[in-house]
Amino acid sequence: MQIKTVTEIIEAFAPLALQEKYDNAGLLIGNSERPVSGVLICVDVTEAVINEAILMHINLIIAHHPLIFNGLKKITGQDEVERCIIKAIKNDIAIYAAHTNVDNVIDGVNGRIADKIGLINRRILQPKTGMLVKLVTFVPKLHVQRVREAIFEAGAGHIGNYDACSYNSEGYGSFRANSKATPFVGEVNKIHYEEETRIEVILPEYIQNKVIASMIKAHPYEEPAYDVFRLLNEYRQVGSGLTGELIEAENESDFLQRIRVLFGGNPIRHTALSGNKIKRVAVCGGSGSFLLQDAIKAGADIFISADFKYHDFFGAENKIIIADVGHFETEQFTKELFFDIIRKKLPTFAVHISKVNTNPIIYS
């Protein structure tokens, strides 16, 4: 089995095209075509994690945070990032990161937090825009089902909790084949009129080429006609943060205590309690202060995230409780998420969660 066999499983769940522009997700060190002996999963790559992989004879580390985030002008071993790179290369260990692409899918980092808390009726807090396109093509009536199914199988036609979504309208197409053509119907140098169905489907832009290739392969025409339109619609399955509801409302103090234990038992920095019960919860793994206003607009009673600065807490304005539980703490469940994704596809493969605590923050 090759390294890319494993990394493609992660990317099928959270495509690299969904990462933020500033990010550096993907294979950072190593050759994707080399055989893989095992996988070690972590949040951060440190020297201790690489040593753990060496001792376990594992040659692929999958991390949430990219080891190489900013540009490197030299690799001399002067800091831990450089030392990790040198040690990984010397020991033929590949390093892969799945970062904001996993943050941005609804069942990703925030989805796993929601699982732990017990949230239902989930929605992306800040959906992405400008990521959807509409594909329109025209197919002779007898071949509509085949072409439509090929488009669906390639990933088009998903809207929220529904798939195989399309709009179909009947009409007539006309064309005239020249002497160089080999027309599927009609005659060379004669105008032909054909009963056709117009198929319209929505898809994310990053799979556009794949969908069009599948459509063309299934289409009977020598030169299929199609149009692609960019949409302004929100892509509600992709974006930052998540909001959901508790099955039963909880007392604020009880809920905060439950959250404190759930995320590791460390102190929680939070704003003043309102005296109301907690029903709607907003979450964002990692640094989520930029989503505070979105959480308020969503009607959340509490926003669980990390890395709030002093003045950020004033932004709550008694409209919501901010609960800063810590950066590592909100992302710790990502290790379980990666483990489950890989094990679901490769149930007998050697996948291990690192035992190294890479949280750089100590609570006294």
Protein backbone atom coordinates (compact mmCIF):
# COMPACT_ATOMS: atom_id res chain seq x y z
CA MET A 1 0.00 0.00 0.00
CA GLN A 2 1.29 3.43 -0.93
CA ILE A 3 1.29 6.57 1.22
CA LYS A 4 -1.11 8.21 -1.20
CA THR A 5 -3.64 5.44 -0.58
CA VAL A 6 -3.98 6.72 2.99
CA THR A 7 -3.79 10.44 2.27
CA GLU A 8 -6.42 10.16 -0.48
CA ILE A 9 -8.84 8.79 2.13
CA ILE A 10 -8.38 11.95 4.19
CA GLU A 11 -8.75 14.14 1.10
CA ALA A 12 -11.95 12.37 0.04
CA PHE A 13 -13.38 13.43 3.41
CA ALA A 14 -11.88 16.95 3.38
CA PRO A 15 -10.51 17.98 -0.06
CA LEU A 16 -7.39 20.15 -0.04
CA ALA A 17 -9.31 22.68 -2.14
CA LEU A 18 -11.26 23.56 1.02
CA GLN A 19 -8.25 24.82 2.95
CA GLU A 20 -7.85 28.55 3.59
CA LYS A 21 -5.48 30.49 1.34
CA TYR A 22 -2.96 31.01 4.16
CA ASP A 23 -2.80 27.30 4.99
CA ASN A 24 -0.31 24.59 3.98
CA ALA A 25 -2.22 21.32 4.18
CA GLY A 26 -1.24 18.21 2.26
CA LEU A 27 1.91 16.07 2.00
CA LEU A 28 4.76 18.19 3.38
CA ILE A 29 7.59 15.67 3.49
CA GLY A 30 8.01 12.39 1.62
CA ASN A 31 7.10 10.60 -1.58
CA SER A 32 3.42 9.74 -1.92
CA GLU A 33 4.23 6.62 -3.95
CA ARG A 34 6.42 4.98 -1.31
CA PRO A 35 4.99 1.97 0.56
CA VAL A 36 3.47 2.83 3.95
CA SER A 37 4.27 0.73 7.01
CA GLY A 38 1.86 2.40 9.41
CA VAL A 39 0.28 5.70 10.42
CA LEU A 40 0.83 7.78 13.55
CA ILE A 41 -1.77 10.49 14.22
CA CYS A 42 -1.15 13.68 16.18
CA VAL A 43 -2.25 17.30 16.51
CA ASP A 44 1.29 18.76 16.26
CA VAL A 45 4.50 17.27 14.88
CA THR A 46 7.30 17.51 17.45
CA GLU A 47 10.64 15.74 17.85
CA ALA A 48 9.03 13.50 20.46
CA VAL A 49 6.33 12.45 17.96
CA ILE A 50 8.93 11.64 15.30
CA ASN A 51 10.92 9.62 17.85
CA GLU A 52 7.71 7.75 18.67
CA ALA A 53 7.23 6.95 14.96
CA ILE A 54 10.82 5.72 14.68
CA LEU A 55 10.44 3.39 17.67
CA MET A 56 7.18 2.01 16.23
CA HIS A 57 8.67 1.59 12.72
CA ILE A 58 5.99 3.89 11.29
CA ASN A 59 6.78 5.95 8.20
CA LEU A 60 3.72 8.23 7.88
CA ILE A 61 2.68 10.89 10.38
CA ILE A 62 -0.69 12.57 9.90
CA ALA A 63 -1.03 15.81 11.85
CA HIS A 64 -3.68 18.48 12.17
CA HIS A 65 -1.25 21.42 12.27
CA PRO A 66 1.22 21.69 9.36
CA LEU A 67 4.85 21.28 10.45
CA ILE A 68 5.90 23.64 7.65
CA PHE A 69 3.63 26.65 7.77
CA ASN A 70 5.76 29.59 6.67
CA GLY A 71 8.45 29.65 4.00
CA LEU A 72 11.84 28.20 4.90
CA LYS A 73 15.05 29.76 3.58
CA LYS A 74 17.37 27.31 5.28
CA ILE A 75 17.24 24.03 7.17
CA THR A 76 20.11 23.97 9.66
CA GLY A 77 18.46 22.51 12.73
CA GLN A 78 18.33 25.83 14.60
CA ASP A 79 14.72 25.35 15.76
CA GLU A 80 12.35 22.46 16.35
CA VAL A 81 10.68 22.73 12.95
CA GLU A 82 14.04 22.42 11.18
CA ARG A 83 15.15 19.58 13.45
CA CYS A 84 11.90 17.72 12.80
CA ILE A 85 12.33 18.09 9.04
CA ILE A 86 15.90 16.77 9.18
CA LYS A 87 14.99 13.84 11.42
CA ALA A 88 11.94 12.91 9.31
CA ILE A 89 13.95 12.91 6.08
CA LYS A 90 16.83 10.94 7.62
CA ASN A 91 14.39 8.26 8.78
CA ASP A 92 12.22 8.18 5.63
CA ILE A 93 9.16 9.40 7.52
CA ALA A 94 6.51 11.20 5.48
CA ILE A 95 4.57 14.02 7.13
CA TYR A 96 1.06 14.99 6.06
CA ALA A 97 -1.20 17.73 7.44
CA ALA A 98 -4.98 18.12 7.23
CA HIS A 99 -5.71 21.50 8.76
CA THR A 100 -8.32 24.09 7.72
CA ASN A 101 -9.75 21.76 5.08
CA VAL A 102 -10.85 19.53 7.99
CA ASP A 103 -11.98 22.59 9.96
CA ASN A 104 -14.21 23.64 7.05
CA VAL A 105 -16.28 20.48 6.51
CA ILE A 106 -19.42 20.09 8.58
CA ASP A 107 -18.43 16.66 9.95
CA GLY A 108 -14.81 17.68 10.55
CA VAL A 109 -13.16 19.21 13.62
CA ASN A 110 -16.29 21.07 14.72
CA GLY A 111 -18.51 18.12 13.91
CA ARG A 112 -16.48 15.93 16.27
CA ILE A 113 -16.73 18.58 19.02
CA ALA A 114 -20.51 18.64 18.45
CA ASP A 115 -20.58 14.84 18.77
CA LYS A 116 -18.82 15.06 22.13
CA ILE A 117 -21.14 17.78 23.44
CA GLY A 118 -24.28 16.15 22.03
CA LEU A 119 -25.54 18.73 19.54
CA ILE A 120 -28.35 18.17 17.05
CA ASN A 121 -29.74 20.30 14.19
CA ARG A 122 -26.26 21.39 13.17
CA ARG A 123 -25.39 24.15 10.74
CA ILE A 124 -22.19 25.79 9.56
CA LEU A 125 -21.77 29.09 11.40
CA GLN A 126 -20.13 31.02 8.54
CA PRO A 127 -20.73 29.19 5.23
CA LYS A 128 -18.37 29.75 2.31
CA THR A 129 -19.52 31.69 -0.74
CA GLY A 130 -18.20 31.70 -4.30
CA MET A 131 -17.48 27.97 -4.26
CA LEU A 132 -20.49 26.69 -6.18
CA VAL A 133 -21.15 26.49 -9.92
CA LYS A 134 -24.07 25.29 -12.03
CA LEU A 135 -23.47 22.89 -14.88
CA VAL A 136 -26.01 22.85 -17.71
CA THR A 137 -25.92 20.32 -20.53
CA PHE A 138 -28.25 19.11 -23.27
CA VAL A 139 -28.84 15.40 -23.87
CA PRO A 140 -30.97 13.43 -26.37
CA LYS A 141 -33.97 12.00 -24.53
CA LEU A 142 -33.01 8.33 -24.77
CA HIS A 143 -29.65 8.97 -23.07
CA VAL A 144 -30.71 11.34 -20.28
CA GLN A 145 -30.66 8.77 -17.47
CA ARG A 146 -27.15 7.54 -18.29
CA VAL A 147 -25.66 11.06 -18.46
CA ARG A 148 -27.50 12.26 -15.36
CA GLU A 149 -26.31 9.29 -13.30
CA ALA A 150 -22.71 9.83 -14.48
CA ILE A 151 -22.92 13.44 -13.31
CA PHE A 152 -24.29 12.38 -9.92
CA GLU A 153 -21.67 9.66 -9.46
CA ALA A 154 -18.94 12.24 -10.08
CA GLY A 155 -20.21 14.27 -7.11
CA ALA A 156 -22.62 16.83 -8.54
CA GLY A 157 -26.20 17.40 -7.39
CA HIS A 158 -25.70 17.63 -3.62
CA ILE A 159 -27.80 20.24 -1.79
CA GLY A 160 -27.69 20.01 2.01
CA ASN A 161 -28.98 16.60 3.10
CA TYR A 162 -30.11 15.69 -0.43
CA ASP A 163 -28.24 14.24 -3.37
CA ALA A 164 -29.13 13.45 -7.01
CA CYS A 165 -30.63 16.96 -7.27
CA SER A 166 -31.21 18.27 -10.78
CA TYR A 167 -33.65 20.30 -12.85
CA ASN A 168 -34.72 18.92 -16.23
CA SER A 169 -36.62 20.65 -19.02
CA GLU A 170 -37.56 19.48 -22.51
CA GLY A 171 -36.78 21.24 -25.76
CA TYR A 172 -35.19 20.95 -29.20
CA GLY A 173 -31.56 21.29 -30.17
CA SER A 174 -30.23 21.96 -33.65
CA PHE A 175 -26.85 21.39 -35.24
CA ARG A 176 -25.19 20.76 -38.59
CA ALA A 177 -22.17 18.50 -38.87
CA ASN A 178 -19.43 19.47 -41.30
CA SER A 179 -17.48 17.06 -43.49
CA LYS A 180 -14.90 16.37 -40.74
CA ALA A 181 -17.49 15.30 -38.16
CA THR A 182 -18.83 11.85 -37.26
CA PRO A 183 -22.26 12.78 -35.89
CA PHE A 184 -24.13 10.49 -33.50
CA VAL A 185 -27.42 11.52 -35.15
CA GLY A 186 -28.18 13.53 -38.27
CA GLU A 187 -26.35 13.74 -41.57
CA VAL A 188 -23.24 15.62 -42.65
CA ASN A 189 -23.95 19.09 -44.10
CA LYS A 190 -27.65 18.97 -43.11
CA ILE A 191 -29.28 20.82 -40.20
CA HIS A 192 -30.63 18.32 -37.69
CA TYR A 193 -33.26 18.90 -34.97
CA GLU A 194 -33.20 16.65 -31.93
CA GLU A 195 -35.50 16.33 -28.91
CA GLU A 196 -33.25 17.01 -25.94
CA THR A 197 -33.43 17.38 -22.17
CA ARG A 198 -31.68 20.29 -20.49
CA ILE A 199 -30.05 19.05 -17.26
CA GLU A 200 -29.02 21.55 -14.59
CA VAL A 201 -26.99 20.57 -11.51
CA ILE A 202 -25.11 22.40 -8.75
CA LEU A 203 -21.61 21.34 -7.72
CA PRO A 204 -18.56 22.72 -5.89
CA GLU A 205 -16.10 24.27 -8.31
CA TYR A 206 -13.20 22.10 -7.17
CA ILE A 207 -14.81 18.98 -8.70
CA GLN A 208 -15.89 20.75 -11.89
CA ASN A 209 -13.30 19.10 -14.16
CA LYS A 210 -14.11 15.65 -12.78
CA VAL A 211 -17.86 16.11 -13.31
CA ILE A 212 -17.45 17.49 -16.83
CA ALA A 213 -15.15 14.62 -17.78
CA SER A 214 -17.73 12.09 -16.53
CA MET A 215 -20.51 13.91 -18.35
CA ILE A 216 -18.60 13.92 -21.64
CA LYS A 217 -17.70 10.24 -21.30
CA ALA A 218 -21.37 9.27 -20.81
CA HIS A 219 -22.73 11.68 -23.42
CA PRO A 220 -23.54 10.19 -26.84
CA TYR A 221 -22.68 13.33 -28.80
CA GLU A 222 -19.30 13.78 -30.41
CA GLU A 223 -19.23 17.41 -29.19
CA PRO A 224 -21.52 17.76 -26.13
CA ALA A 225 -22.72 21.30 -25.46
CA TYR A 226 -22.56 22.52 -21.86
CA ASP A 227 -22.41 25.75 -19.84
CA VAL A 228 -20.89 26.48 -16.43
CA PHE A 229 -22.20 29.39 -14.33
CA ARG A 230 -20.62 30.70 -11.14
CA LEU A 231 -23.16 31.03 -8.30
CA LEU A 232 -23.40 33.45 -5.38
CA ASN A 233 -25.17 30.88 -3.19
CA GLU A 234 -23.72 29.94 0.18
CA TYR A 235 -22.12 26.50 0.30
CA ARG A 236 -23.81 25.49 3.53
CA GLN A 237 -21.89 22.25 3.98
CA VAL A 238 -18.54 24.05 4.06
CA GLY A 239 -17.29 26.91 6.21
CA SER A 240 -16.12 28.07 9.62
CA GLY A 241 -17.59 27.06 12.96
CA LEU A 242 -20.78 25.20 13.71
CA THR A 243 -23.95 25.73 15.66
CA GLY A 244 -26.34 23.17 17.07
CA GLU A 245 -28.78 22.49 19.88
CA LEU A 246 -28.73 20.40 23.03
CA ILE A 247 -31.48 17.81 23.25
CA GLU A 248 -32.44 19.35 26.61
CA ALA A 249 -31.48 22.78 27.92
CA GLU A 250 -28.88 22.79 30.70
CA ASN A 251 -28.08 25.10 33.60
CA GLU A 252 -25.14 27.38 32.69
CA SER A 253 -22.93 26.32 35.59
CA ASP A 254 -23.64 22.63 35.05
CA PHE A 255 -22.95 22.95 31.34
CA LEU A 256 -19.64 24.75 31.90
CA GLN A 257 -18.58 22.09 34.39
CA ARG A 258 -19.47 19.35 31.91
CA ILE A 259 -17.50 21.15 29.20
CA ARG A 260 -14.50 21.62 31.47
CA VAL A 261 -14.33 17.88 32.18
CA LEU A 262 -15.01 16.96 28.55
CA PHE A 263 -12.13 19.10 27.24
CA GLY A 264 -9.59 17.86 29.75
CA GLY A 265 -10.39 19.42 33.12
CA ASN A 266 -8.39 22.63 32.73
CA PRO A 267 -9.80 26.04 33.79
CA ILE A 268 -12.11 27.77 31.30
CA ARG A 269 -11.90 31.51 30.66
CA HIS A 270 -15.43 32.77 30.17
CA THR A 271 -17.65 35.86 30.33
CA ALA A 272 -20.31 36.51 32.95
CA LEU A 273 -23.17 34.06 33.22
CA SER A 274 -26.63 35.37 32.34
CA GLY A 275 -28.77 33.19 34.59
CA ASN A 276 -30.47 31.59 31.58
CA LYS A 277 -30.23 28.00 30.45
CA ILE A 278 -28.00 26.77 27.62
CA LYS A 279 -29.83 25.42 24.57
CA ARG A 280 -28.10 26.60 21.37
CA VAL A 281 -24.33 26.15 21.27
CA ALA A 282 -21.77 27.53 18.80
CA VAL A 283 -18.34 25.90 18.49
CA CYS A 284 -15.12 26.48 16.59
CA GLY A 285 -12.00 24.38 17.03
CA GLY A 286 -8.85 26.48 17.40
CA SER A 287 -8.88 30.27 17.08
CA GLY A 288 -12.51 31.28 16.65
CA SER A 289 -12.84 34.84 17.92
CA PHE A 290 -13.53 36.07 14.37
CA LEU A 291 -16.85 34.18 14.50
CA LEU A 292 -18.22 35.88 17.63
CA GLN A 293 -20.73 38.06 15.78
CA ASP A 294 -21.85 35.07 13.68
CA ALA A 295 -22.47 33.11 16.87
CA ILE A 296 -24.55 35.98 18.28
CA LYS A 297 -26.56 36.31 15.04
CA ALA A 298 -27.20 32.56 15.12
CA GLY A 299 -28.84 32.96 18.53
CA ALA A 300 -26.28 30.84 20.38
CA ASP A 301 -26.36 30.97 24.16
CA ILE A 302 -22.67 30.09 24.42
CA PHE A 303 -19.70 30.11 22.04
CA ILE A 304 -17.01 27.51 22.72
CA SER A 305 -13.66 28.19 21.07
CA ALA A 306 -10.14 29.39 21.91
CA ASP A 307 -7.53 32.15 21.70
CA PHE A 308 -9.78 35.06 22.67
CA LYS A 309 -7.83 38.21 23.52
CA TYR A 310 -8.72 40.43 26.46
CA HIS A 311 -10.75 42.93 24.43
CA ASP A 312 -12.54 40.15 22.52
CA PHE A 313 -14.46 39.26 25.66
CA PHE A 314 -16.10 42.69 25.71
CA GLY A 315 -17.68 41.79 22.36
CA ALA A 316 -20.07 39.39 24.08
CA GLU A 317 -22.03 42.40 25.48
CA ASN A 318 -24.14 40.07 27.63
CA LYS A 319 -25.70 38.62 24.47
CA ILE A 320 -23.74 35.37 24.63
CA ILE A 321 -21.33 33.54 26.92
CA ILE A 322 -17.81 33.18 25.53
CA ALA A 323 -16.07 30.03 26.76
CA ASP A 324 -12.36 29.86 25.87
CA VAL A 325 -11.40 26.27 26.60
CA GLY A 326 -7.97 26.33 24.92
CA HIS A 327 -6.61 25.83 21.41
CA PHE A 328 -5.23 22.31 21.85
CA GLU A 329 -8.23 21.34 23.92
CA THR A 330 -10.71 22.17 21.14
CA GLU A 331 -8.65 20.27 18.54
CA GLN A 332 -7.66 17.20 20.55
CA PHE A 333 -10.57 15.14 19.18
CA THR A 334 -9.20 15.58 15.65
CA LYS A 335 -6.89 12.64 16.36
CA GLU A 336 -9.92 10.39 16.90
CA LEU A 337 -11.52 11.81 13.76
CA PHE A 338 -8.51 10.92 11.57
CA PHE A 339 -8.32 7.48 13.17
CA ASP A 340 -11.98 6.76 12.43
CA ILE A 341 -11.78 8.04 8.84
CA ILE A 342 -8.83 5.80 7.99
CA ARG A 343 -10.05 2.75 9.92
CA LYS A 344 -13.44 2.91 8.18
CA LYS A 345 -11.72 2.39 4.82
CA LEU A 346 -8.75 0.30 6.01
CA PRO A 347 -10.06 -1.66 9.01
CA THR A 348 -7.02 -3.94 9.36
CA PHE A 349 -4.30 -1.37 8.68
CA ALA A 350 -1.85 -0.25 11.39
CA VAL A 351 -3.17 3.13 12.55
CA HIS A 352 -2.04 4.57 15.88
CA ILE A 353 -2.84 7.71 17.87
CA SER A 354 0.27 9.35 19.29
CA LYS A 355 0.68 9.11 23.05
CA VAL A 356 2.77 12.29 23.13
CA ASN A 357 1.06 15.32 24.67
CA THR A 358 1.96 18.14 22.27
CA ASN A 359 0.01 20.88 24.10
CA PRO A 360 2.62 23.63 24.72
CA ILE A 361 0.48 25.23 27.45
CA ILE A 362 0.77 24.05 31.05
CA TYR A 363 -1.92 24.81 33.64
CA SER A 364 -0.71 25.12 37.24
